[in-house]
Amino acid sequence: MTEAITILNEVGYPLDRERLQAAALTVLSQHQVRDGRMTVVVTDDDYVASLNRQYRGIDAPTDVLSFPADVPPVADADEAGYLGDVIIAYPYAAAQAQQQKHDLTQSLMLLVVHGTLHLLGYDHDTAERRAAMWAAQDKALEALQIPTAIVPALESDEHENQ
């Protein structure tokens, strides 16, 4: 089923594709999504900043953006079961992981989990919805054997409207 998770890394950043796919598949499996397909794009800060500016009106890069299939900037949403795209700014995420002294691969997996949850309709725009999203995120991280302590440092208020 890993073919259901396409990883695009045209810049050639060093990453573990199988672990990123596992992060997405864990979330999909925990939500009984059997035929869902999605794309994870690992790119540079400039591309993410341009998307952030275009879709959120924020003129800056961020670590991860999610685009459900109704607004697909990368892949064809006309495919049955296509969930959408998760876009990760590798340099931003790498700097964030280094600053927080977290393992980069685990940080990237967290971003895939977080982005995949957004594709499934989760959000953190209210306290109630944030609690539900964080619970689902913690469950996925625990299944992936990633310490949930990684979350508070990476998931600050700057992500509130992502």
C-alpha atoms as a PDB file:
ATOM      1  CA  MET A   1       0.000   0.000   0.000  1.00  0.00           C
ATOM      2  CA  THR A   2       3.043   2.306   0.102  1.00  0.00           C
ATOM      3  CA  GLU A   3       2.307   3.098  -3.546  1.00  0.00           C
ATOM      4  CA  ALA A   4      -0.706   5.009  -2.220  1.00  0.00           C
ATOM      5  CA  ILE A   5       1.696   7.536  -0.657  1.00  0.00           C
ATOM      6  CA  THR A   6       3.749   9.343  -3.281  1.00  0.00           C
ATOM      7  CA  ILE A   7       6.836  11.145  -1.989  1.00  0.00           C
ATOM      8  CA  LEU A   8       8.081  13.919  -4.293  1.00  0.00           C
ATOM      9  CA  ASN A   9      11.580  15.121  -3.471  1.00  0.00           C
ATOM     10  CA  GLU A  10      12.790  16.790  -6.647  1.00  0.00           C
ATOM     11  CA  VAL A  11      15.342  18.901  -4.757  1.00  0.00           C
ATOM     12  CA  GLY A  12      16.976  15.683  -3.544  1.00  0.00           C
ATOM     13  CA  TYR A  13      16.950  16.271   0.202  1.00  0.00           C
ATOM     14  CA  PRO A  14      18.241  13.340   2.264  1.00  0.00           C
ATOM     15  CA  LEU A  15      15.227  11.596   3.755  1.00  0.00           C
ATOM     16  CA  ASP A  16      13.846   8.189   4.584  1.00  0.00           C
ATOM     17  CA  ARG A  17      10.920   7.759   2.167  1.00  0.00           C
ATOM     18  CA  GLU A  18       9.764   4.526   3.802  1.00  0.00           C
ATOM     19  CA  ARG A  19       9.451   6.141   7.226  1.00  0.00           C
ATOM     20  CA  LEU A  20       7.547   9.106   5.779  1.00  0.00           C
ATOM     21  CA  GLN A  21       5.202   6.703   4.003  1.00  0.00           C
ATOM     22  CA  ALA A  22       4.806   4.753   7.250  1.00  0.00           C
ATOM     23  CA  ALA A  23       3.795   7.959   9.050  1.00  0.00           C
ATOM     24  CA  ALA A  24       1.031   8.666   6.533  1.00  0.00           C
ATOM     25  CA  LEU A  25      -0.089   5.039   6.379  1.00  0.00           C
ATOM     26  CA  THR A  26      -0.328   4.862  10.169  1.00  0.00           C
ATOM     27  CA  VAL A  27      -2.742   7.793  10.225  1.00  0.00           C
ATOM     28  CA  LEU A  28      -4.777   6.399   7.328  1.00  0.00           C
ATOM     29  CA  SER A  29      -4.948   2.955   8.930  1.00  0.00           C
ATOM     30  CA  GLN A  30      -6.003   4.374  12.299  1.00  0.00           C
ATOM     31  CA  HIS A  31      -8.840   6.163  10.526  1.00  0.00           C
ATOM     32  CA  GLN A  32      -9.866   3.097   8.465  1.00  0.00           C
ATOM     33  CA  VAL A  33      -8.937   4.822   5.200  1.00  0.00           C
ATOM     34  CA  ARG A  34      -8.162   1.865   2.953  1.00  0.00           C
ATOM     35  CA  ASP A  35      -8.119   3.309  -0.562  1.00  0.00           C
ATOM     36  CA  GLY A  36      -6.818   6.789   0.157  1.00  0.00           C
ATOM     37  CA  ARG A  37      -3.955   8.155  -1.878  1.00  0.00           C
ATOM     38  CA  MET A  38      -1.928  11.265  -1.211  1.00  0.00           C
ATOM     39  CA  THR A  39       1.262  13.081  -2.119  1.00  0.00           C
ATOM     40  CA  VAL A  40       3.958  14.316   0.246  1.00  0.00           C
ATOM     41  CA  VAL A  41       6.068  17.002  -1.399  1.00  0.00           C
ATOM     42  CA  VAL A  42       9.405  17.747   0.248  1.00  0.00           C
ATOM     43  CA  THR A  43      10.622  21.069  -1.108  1.00  0.00           C
ATOM     44  CA  ASP A  44      12.401  24.300  -0.284  1.00  0.00           C
ATOM     45  CA  ASP A  45      11.350  27.247   1.854  1.00  0.00           C
ATOM     46  CA  ASP A  46      10.726  29.530  -1.140  1.00  0.00           C
ATOM     47  CA  TYR A  47       8.121  27.216  -2.656  1.00  0.00           C
ATOM     48  CA  VAL A  48       6.328  26.775   0.670  1.00  0.00           C
ATOM     49  CA  ALA A  49       6.456  30.534   1.278  1.00  0.00           C
ATOM     50  CA  SER A  50       4.832  31.122  -2.121  1.00  0.00           C
ATOM     51  CA  LEU A  51       2.042  28.661  -1.289  1.00  0.00           C
ATOM     52  CA  ASN A  52       1.636  30.170   2.172  1.00  0.00           C
ATOM     53  CA  ARG A  53       1.356  33.635   0.611  1.00  0.00           C
ATOM     54  CA  GLN A  54      -1.093  32.493  -2.084  1.00  0.00           C
ATOM     55  CA  TYR A  55      -3.403  30.361   0.064  1.00  0.00           C
ATOM     56  CA  ARG A  56      -3.063  31.812   3.562  1.00  0.00           C
ATOM     57  CA  GLY A  57      -1.977  35.400   2.956  1.00  0.00           C
ATOM     58  CA  ILE A  58       1.159  34.857   5.065  1.00  0.00           C
ATOM     59  CA  ASP A  59       4.358  36.003   3.393  1.00  0.00           C
ATOM     60  CA  ALA A  60       6.737  33.529   5.049  1.00  0.00           C
ATOM     61  CA  PRO A  61       7.676  29.870   4.928  1.00  0.00           C
ATOM     62  CA  THR A  62       6.336  27.381   7.438  1.00  0.00           C
ATOM     63  CA  ASP A  63       7.150  23.757   8.145  1.00  0.00           C
ATOM     64  CA  VAL A  64       4.092  22.067   6.638  1.00  0.00           C
ATOM     65  CA  LEU A  65       1.020  22.944   4.607  1.00  0.00           C
ATOM     66  CA  SER A  66      -1.860  20.638   3.737  1.00  0.00           C
ATOM     67  CA  PHE A  67      -4.073  20.888   0.690  1.00  0.00           C
ATOM     68  CA  PRO A  68      -7.111  18.610   0.713  1.00  0.00           C
ATOM     69  CA  ALA A  69      -8.037  17.242  -2.707  1.00  0.00           C
ATOM     70  CA  ASP A  70     -10.488  20.072  -3.410  1.00  0.00           C
ATOM     71  CA  VAL A  71      -7.513  22.487  -3.704  1.00  0.00           C
ATOM     72  CA  PRO A  72      -4.676  20.374  -5.110  1.00  0.00           C
ATOM     73  CA  PRO A  73      -1.544  22.302  -6.053  1.00  0.00           C
ATOM     74  CA  VAL A  74       0.355  19.161  -7.080  1.00  0.00           C
ATOM     75  CA  ALA A  75      -1.656  16.107  -8.021  1.00  0.00           C
ATOM     76  CA  ASP A  76      -4.868  15.273  -9.864  1.00  0.00           C
ATOM     77  CA  ALA A  77      -7.836  15.374  -7.515  1.00  0.00           C
ATOM     78  CA  ASP A  78     -10.080  13.674 -10.056  1.00  0.00           C
ATOM     79  CA  GLU A  79      -8.683  10.281  -9.054  1.00  0.00           C
ATOM     80  CA  ALA A  80     -11.087   8.360  -6.841  1.00  0.00           C
ATOM     81  CA  GLY A  81      -9.821   8.250  -3.268  1.00  0.00           C
ATOM     82  CA  TYR A  82      -7.273  11.026  -3.674  1.00  0.00           C
ATOM     83  CA  LEU A  83      -6.967  12.826  -0.333  1.00  0.00           C
ATOM     84  CA  GLY A  84      -4.640  15.698  -1.208  1.00  0.00           C
ATOM     85  CA  ASP A  85      -1.119  16.986  -0.768  1.00  0.00           C
ATOM     86  CA  VAL A  86       1.132  17.593   2.215  1.00  0.00           C
ATOM     87  CA  ILE A  87       3.900  20.092   1.453  1.00  0.00           C
ATOM     88  CA  ILE A  88       6.956  20.159   3.739  1.00  0.00           C
ATOM     89  CA  ALA A  89       9.654  22.856   3.696  1.00  0.00           C
ATOM     90  CA  TYR A  90      12.733  20.724   4.330  1.00  0.00           C
ATOM     91  CA  PRO A  91      15.156  23.548   5.250  1.00  0.00           C
ATOM     92  CA  TYR A  92      12.598  25.067   7.641  1.00  0.00           C
ATOM     93  CA  ALA A  93      11.864  21.681   9.209  1.00  0.00           C
ATOM     94  CA  ALA A  94      15.572  20.823   9.468  1.00  0.00           C
ATOM     95  CA  ALA A  95      16.371  24.119  11.198  1.00  0.00           C
ATOM     96  CA  GLN A  96      13.411  23.632  13.526  1.00  0.00           C
ATOM     97  CA  ALA A  97      14.540  20.109  14.438  1.00  0.00           C
ATOM     98  CA  GLN A  98      18.107  21.274  15.042  1.00  0.00           C
ATOM     99  CA  GLN A  99      16.939  24.189  17.206  1.00  0.00           C
ATOM    100  CA  GLN A 100      14.721  21.878  19.270  1.00  0.00           C
ATOM    101  CA  LYS A 101      17.405  19.149  19.348  1.00  0.00           C
ATOM    102  CA  HIS A 102      15.016  16.606  17.813  1.00  0.00           C
ATOM    103  CA  ASP A 103      15.778  13.846  15.362  1.00  0.00           C
ATOM    104  CA  LEU A 104      15.136  15.206  11.853  1.00  0.00           C
ATOM    105  CA  THR A 105      13.485  12.044  10.535  1.00  0.00           C
ATOM    106  CA  GLN A 106      11.124  11.944  13.508  1.00  0.00           C
ATOM    107  CA  SER A 107      10.342  15.634  13.016  1.00  0.00           C
ATOM    108  CA  LEU A 108       9.545  15.026   9.338  1.00  0.00           C
ATOM    109  CA  MET A 109       7.349  12.079  10.318  1.00  0.00           C
ATOM    110  CA  LEU A 110       5.501  14.330  12.778  1.00  0.00           C
ATOM    111  CA  LEU A 111       4.886  16.804   9.962  1.00  0.00           C
ATOM    112  CA  VAL A 112       3.551  14.026   7.725  1.00  0.00           C
ATOM    113  CA  VAL A 113       1.252  12.832  10.529  1.00  0.00           C
ATOM    114  CA  HIS A 114       0.080  16.385  11.179  1.00  0.00           C
ATOM    115  CA  GLY A 115      -0.486  17.121   7.502  1.00  0.00           C
ATOM    116  CA  THR A 116      -2.288  13.827   6.899  1.00  0.00           C
ATOM    117  CA  LEU A 117      -4.652  14.562   9.779  1.00  0.00           C
ATOM    118  CA  HIS A 118      -5.472  17.888   8.113  1.00  0.00           C
ATOM    119  CA  LEU A 119      -6.269  16.006   4.891  1.00  0.00           C
ATOM    120  CA  LEU A 120      -8.716  13.892   6.888  1.00  0.00           C
ATOM    121  CA  GLY A 121     -10.532  16.986   8.148  1.00  0.00           C
ATOM    122  CA  TYR A 122      -8.812  17.618  11.462  1.00  0.00           C
ATOM    123  CA  ASP A 123      -7.954  21.174  12.410  1.00  0.00           C
ATOM    124  CA  HIS A 124      -6.705  23.116  15.419  1.00  0.00           C
ATOM    125  CA  ASP A 125      -8.615  26.366  14.993  1.00  0.00           C
ATOM    126  CA  THR A 126     -10.551  25.948  18.264  1.00  0.00           C
ATOM    127  CA  ALA A 127      -9.592  24.424  21.607  1.00  0.00           C
ATOM    128  CA  GLU A 128     -12.031  21.547  21.108  1.00  0.00           C
ATOM    129  CA  ARG A 129     -10.811  20.703  17.599  1.00  0.00           C
ATOM    130  CA  ARG A 130      -7.192  21.101  18.672  1.00  0.00           C
ATOM    131  CA  ALA A 131      -7.702  18.596  21.505  1.00  0.00           C
ATOM    132  CA  ALA A 132      -9.179  16.063  19.059  1.00  0.00           C
ATOM    133  CA  MET A 133      -6.368  16.611  16.542  1.00  0.00           C
ATOM    134  CA  TRP A 134      -3.640  16.383  19.177  1.00  0.00           C
ATOM    135  CA  ALA A 135      -5.151  13.148  20.524  1.00  0.00           C
ATOM    136  CA  ALA A 136      -5.156  11.619  17.031  1.00  0.00           C
ATOM    137  CA  GLN A 137      -1.631  12.911  16.437  1.00  0.00           C
ATOM    138  CA  ASP A 138      -0.371  11.459  19.742  1.00  0.00           C
ATOM    139  CA  LYS A 139      -1.954   8.096  18.903  1.00  0.00           C
ATOM    140  CA  ALA A 140      -0.148   7.997  15.549  1.00  0.00           C
ATOM    141  CA  LEU A 141       3.171   9.089  17.056  1.00  0.00           C
ATOM    142  CA  GLU A 142       2.911   6.415  19.748  1.00  0.00           C
ATOM    143  CA  ALA A 143       2.247   3.765  17.086  1.00  0.00           C
ATOM    144  CA  LEU A 144       5.323   5.010  15.205  1.00  0.00           C
ATOM    145  CA  GLN A 145       7.371   4.946  18.431  1.00  0.00           C
ATOM    146  CA  ILE A 146       8.054   8.673  18.264  1.00  0.00           C
ATOM    147  CA  PRO A 147       8.033  10.407  21.638  1.00  0.00           C
ATOM    148  CA  THR A 148       5.057  12.729  21.914  1.00  0.00           C
ATOM    149  CA  ALA A 149       7.340  15.195  23.714  1.00  0.00           C
ATOM    150  CA  ILE A 150       8.429  16.285  20.235  1.00  0.00           C
ATOM    151  CA  VAL A 151       5.006  17.867  19.662  1.00  0.00           C
ATOM    152  CA  PRO A 152       4.846  20.840  22.038  1.00  0.00           C
ATOM    153  CA  ALA A 153       8.080  22.351  20.743  1.00  0.00           C
ATOM    154  CA  LEU A 154       7.066  21.976  17.104  1.00  0.00           C
ATOM    155  CA  GLU A 155       3.333  22.599  17.424  1.00  0.00           C
ATOM    156  CA  SER A 156       3.264  26.086  18.892  1.00  0.00           C
ATOM    157  CA  ASP A 157       0.702  28.819  18.435  1.00  0.00           C
ATOM    158  CA  GLU A 158       2.255  29.793  15.083  1.00  0.00           C
ATOM    159  CA  HIS A 159       0.527  26.702  13.672  1.00  0.00           C
ATOM    160  CA  GLU A 160      -2.901  27.643  14.984  1.00  0.00           C
ATOM    161  CA  ASN A 161      -4.362  28.569  11.612  1.00  0.00           C
ATOM    162  CA  GLN A 162      -2.470  26.158   9.390  1.00  0.00           C
END
